[in-house]
Amino acid sequence: MTRSELTAAVWDELPKTRYLLGRRRVDRLIERTLKRWPVPVLYQCDAAQTNVVGQRLARSIERQETAEYGMGFIASVLLAAIIGEIVKILIRRWLENRTEMLEALA
């Protein structure tokens, strides 16, 4: 699976609220998440630990995005929800098939 295929698959799995942010911005969030995907850390984690790492990654990306673009409360809540869903989808894919994820990350 290529990175663009993974990005499209994640977009398809996101809830309909994804349209409020738009395809370009969501794709950028997915790309940012993939660039920061902590492969060495996740190799050492079980499923529960992977979820904790994912939550921290989501918060980090959310802080970075908010600092970079600045936004109001409602937009921040929507952004946090979408980032959280992106990370959940990617974690599920990681736990199901690491090889496929590694191909997309390469």
C-alpha atoms as a PDB file:
ATOM      1  CA  MET A   1       0.000   0.000   0.000  1.00  0.00           C
ATOM      2  CA  THR A   2       1.337   3.419  -0.924  1.00  0.00           C
ATOM      3  CA  ARG A   3       1.102   6.508   1.243  1.00  0.00           C
ATOM      4  CA  SER A   4      -1.513   8.058  -1.046  1.00  0.00           C
ATOM      5  CA  GLU A   5      -3.599   4.868  -0.901  1.00  0.00           C
ATOM      6  CA  LEU A   6      -3.370   4.872   2.886  1.00  0.00           C
ATOM      7  CA  THR A   7      -4.352   8.540   3.008  1.00  0.00           C
ATOM      8  CA  ALA A   8      -7.379   7.849   0.798  1.00  0.00           C
ATOM      9  CA  ALA A   9      -8.357   4.837   2.931  1.00  0.00           C
ATOM     10  CA  VAL A  10      -8.175   6.882   6.133  1.00  0.00           C
ATOM     11  CA  TRP A  11     -10.254   9.660   4.514  1.00  0.00           C
ATOM     12  CA  ASP A  12     -12.905   7.102   3.571  1.00  0.00           C
ATOM     13  CA  GLU A  13     -13.083   5.744   7.130  1.00  0.00           C
ATOM     14  CA  LEU A  14     -13.444   9.125   8.818  1.00  0.00           C
ATOM     15  CA  PRO A  15     -16.899  10.292   9.928  1.00  0.00           C
ATOM     16  CA  LYS A  16     -18.811  12.733   7.718  1.00  0.00           C
ATOM     17  CA  THR A  17     -17.602  15.649   9.856  1.00  0.00           C
ATOM     18  CA  ARG A  18     -14.416  15.383   7.779  1.00  0.00           C
ATOM     19  CA  TYR A  19     -16.154  17.572   5.202  1.00  0.00           C
ATOM     20  CA  LEU A  20     -16.216  20.481   7.657  1.00  0.00           C
ATOM     21  CA  LEU A  21     -12.419  20.632   7.532  1.00  0.00           C
ATOM     22  CA  GLY A  22     -12.122  19.783   3.846  1.00  0.00           C
ATOM     23  CA  ARG A  23     -10.141  17.202   1.953  1.00  0.00           C
ATOM     24  CA  ARG A  24      -6.913  19.212   1.657  1.00  0.00           C
ATOM     25  CA  ARG A  25      -6.684  19.978   5.352  1.00  0.00           C
ATOM     26  CA  VAL A  26      -7.580  16.428   6.423  1.00  0.00           C
ATOM     27  CA  ASP A  27      -5.033  15.007   3.971  1.00  0.00           C
ATOM     28  CA  ARG A  28      -2.430  17.337   5.483  1.00  0.00           C
ATOM     29  CA  LEU A  29      -3.357  16.127   8.977  1.00  0.00           C
ATOM     30  CA  ILE A  30      -3.034  12.510   7.872  1.00  0.00           C
ATOM     31  CA  GLU A  31       0.326  13.269   6.254  1.00  0.00           C
ATOM     32  CA  ARG A  32       1.550  15.052   9.385  1.00  0.00           C
ATOM     33  CA  THR A  33       0.485  12.058  11.484  1.00  0.00           C
ATOM     34  CA  LEU A  34       2.250   9.612   9.180  1.00  0.00           C
ATOM     35  CA  LYS A  35       5.458  11.670   9.229  1.00  0.00           C
ATOM     36  CA  ARG A  36       5.461  11.585  13.026  1.00  0.00           C
ATOM     37  CA  TRP A  37       4.367   7.949  13.343  1.00  0.00           C
ATOM     38  CA  PRO A  38       6.564   6.543  16.152  1.00  0.00           C
ATOM     39  CA  VAL A  39       7.565   3.206  14.601  1.00  0.00           C
ATOM     40  CA  PRO A  40      10.408   2.328  17.028  1.00  0.00           C
ATOM     41  CA  VAL A  41       8.216   3.049  20.052  1.00  0.00           C
ATOM     42  CA  LEU A  42       5.212   1.155  18.706  1.00  0.00           C
ATOM     43  CA  TYR A  43       7.295  -1.956  18.007  1.00  0.00           C
ATOM     44  CA  GLN A  44       7.816  -2.225  21.763  1.00  0.00           C
ATOM     45  CA  CYS A  45       4.159  -1.709  22.719  1.00  0.00           C
ATOM     46  CA  ASP A  46       1.226  -4.004  23.242  1.00  0.00           C
ATOM     47  CA  ALA A  47      -2.270  -2.887  22.161  1.00  0.00           C
ATOM     48  CA  ALA A  48      -3.005  -0.919  25.358  1.00  0.00           C
ATOM     49  CA  GLN A  49       0.335   0.874  25.267  1.00  0.00           C
ATOM     50  CA  THR A  50      -0.149   1.596  21.572  1.00  0.00           C
ATOM     51  CA  ASN A  51      -3.387   3.418  22.400  1.00  0.00           C
ATOM     52  CA  VAL A  52      -1.602   5.563  24.986  1.00  0.00           C
ATOM     53  CA  VAL A  53       1.141   6.440  22.486  1.00  0.00           C
ATOM     54  CA  GLY A  54      -1.582   7.267  19.952  1.00  0.00           C
ATOM     55  CA  GLN A  55      -3.351   9.613  22.365  1.00  0.00           C
ATOM     56  CA  ARG A  56      -0.119  11.467  23.033  1.00  0.00           C
ATOM     57  CA  LEU A  57       0.622  11.691  19.323  1.00  0.00           C
ATOM     58  CA  ALA A  58      -2.879  13.069  18.661  1.00  0.00           C
ATOM     59  CA  ARG A  59      -2.487  15.733  21.346  1.00  0.00           C
ATOM     60  CA  SER A  60       0.913  16.704  20.005  1.00  0.00           C
ATOM     61  CA  ILE A  61      -0.407  17.124  16.477  1.00  0.00           C
ATOM     62  CA  GLU A  62      -3.419  19.030  17.769  1.00  0.00           C
ATOM     63  CA  ARG A  63      -1.189  21.467  19.697  1.00  0.00           C
ATOM     64  CA  GLN A  64       1.041  21.964  16.673  1.00  0.00           C
ATOM     65  CA  GLU A  65      -1.904  22.568  14.355  1.00  0.00           C
ATOM     66  CA  THR A  66      -3.597  24.980  16.763  1.00  0.00           C
ATOM     67  CA  ALA A  67      -0.374  26.935  17.315  1.00  0.00           C
ATOM     68  CA  GLU A  68       0.327  27.097  13.598  1.00  0.00           C
ATOM     69  CA  TYR A  69      -3.114  28.231  12.470  1.00  0.00           C
ATOM     70  CA  GLY A  70      -4.882  29.534  15.583  1.00  0.00           C
ATOM     71  CA  MET A  71      -8.605  28.938  15.786  1.00  0.00           C
ATOM     72  CA  GLY A  72     -11.689  29.350  17.905  1.00  0.00           C
ATOM     73  CA  PHE A  73     -13.151  26.917  20.385  1.00  0.00           C
ATOM     74  CA  ILE A  74     -15.549  25.121  18.017  1.00  0.00           C
ATOM     75  CA  ALA A  75     -12.881  24.692  15.357  1.00  0.00           C
ATOM     76  CA  SER A  76     -10.457  23.386  17.990  1.00  0.00           C
ATOM     77  CA  VAL A  77     -12.966  20.789  19.184  1.00  0.00           C
ATOM     78  CA  LEU A  78     -13.644  19.659  15.609  1.00  0.00           C
ATOM     79  CA  LEU A  79      -9.920  19.511  14.869  1.00  0.00           C
ATOM     80  CA  ALA A  80      -9.251  17.436  17.999  1.00  0.00           C
ATOM     81  CA  ALA A  81     -12.024  15.009  17.077  1.00  0.00           C
ATOM     82  CA  ILE A  82     -10.767  14.518  13.516  1.00  0.00           C
ATOM     83  CA  ILE A  83      -7.137  14.089  14.627  1.00  0.00           C
ATOM     84  CA  GLY A  84      -8.248  11.591  17.257  1.00  0.00           C
ATOM     85  CA  GLU A  85     -10.140   9.588  14.628  1.00  0.00           C
ATOM     86  CA  ILE A  86      -7.181   9.672  12.229  1.00  0.00           C
ATOM     87  CA  VAL A  87      -4.898   8.289  14.934  1.00  0.00           C
ATOM     88  CA  LYS A  88      -7.441   5.597  15.931  1.00  0.00           C
ATOM     89  CA  ILE A  89      -7.744   4.439  12.332  1.00  0.00           C
ATOM     90  CA  LEU A  90      -3.976   4.332  11.895  1.00  0.00           C
ATOM     91  CA  ILE A  91      -3.509   2.460  15.184  1.00  0.00           C
ATOM     92  CA  ARG A  92      -6.053  -0.126  14.133  1.00  0.00           C
ATOM     93  CA  ARG A  93      -4.252  -0.555  10.815  1.00  0.00           C
ATOM     94  CA  TRP A  94      -0.897  -0.777  12.629  1.00  0.00           C
ATOM     95  CA  LEU A  95      -2.165  -3.501  14.937  1.00  0.00           C
ATOM     96  CA  GLU A  96      -3.768  -5.428  12.060  1.00  0.00           C
ATOM     97  CA  ASN A  97      -0.923  -5.231   9.546  1.00  0.00           C
ATOM     98  CA  ARG A  98       2.353  -3.501  10.419  1.00  0.00           C
ATOM     99  CA  THR A  99       3.973  -4.517   7.156  1.00  0.00           C
ATOM    100  CA  GLU A 100       1.360  -2.664   5.145  1.00  0.00           C
ATOM    101  CA  MET A 101       1.781   0.429   7.319  1.00  0.00           C
ATOM    102  CA  LEU A 102       5.561   0.295   6.984  1.00  0.00           C
ATOM    103  CA  GLU A 103       5.236   0.180   3.189  1.00  0.00           C
ATOM    104  CA  ALA A 104       3.132   3.331   3.287  1.00  0.00           C
ATOM    105  CA  LEU A 105       5.543   5.052   5.650  1.00  0.00           C
ATOM    106  CA  ALA A 106       8.582   4.306   3.473  1.00  0.00           C
END
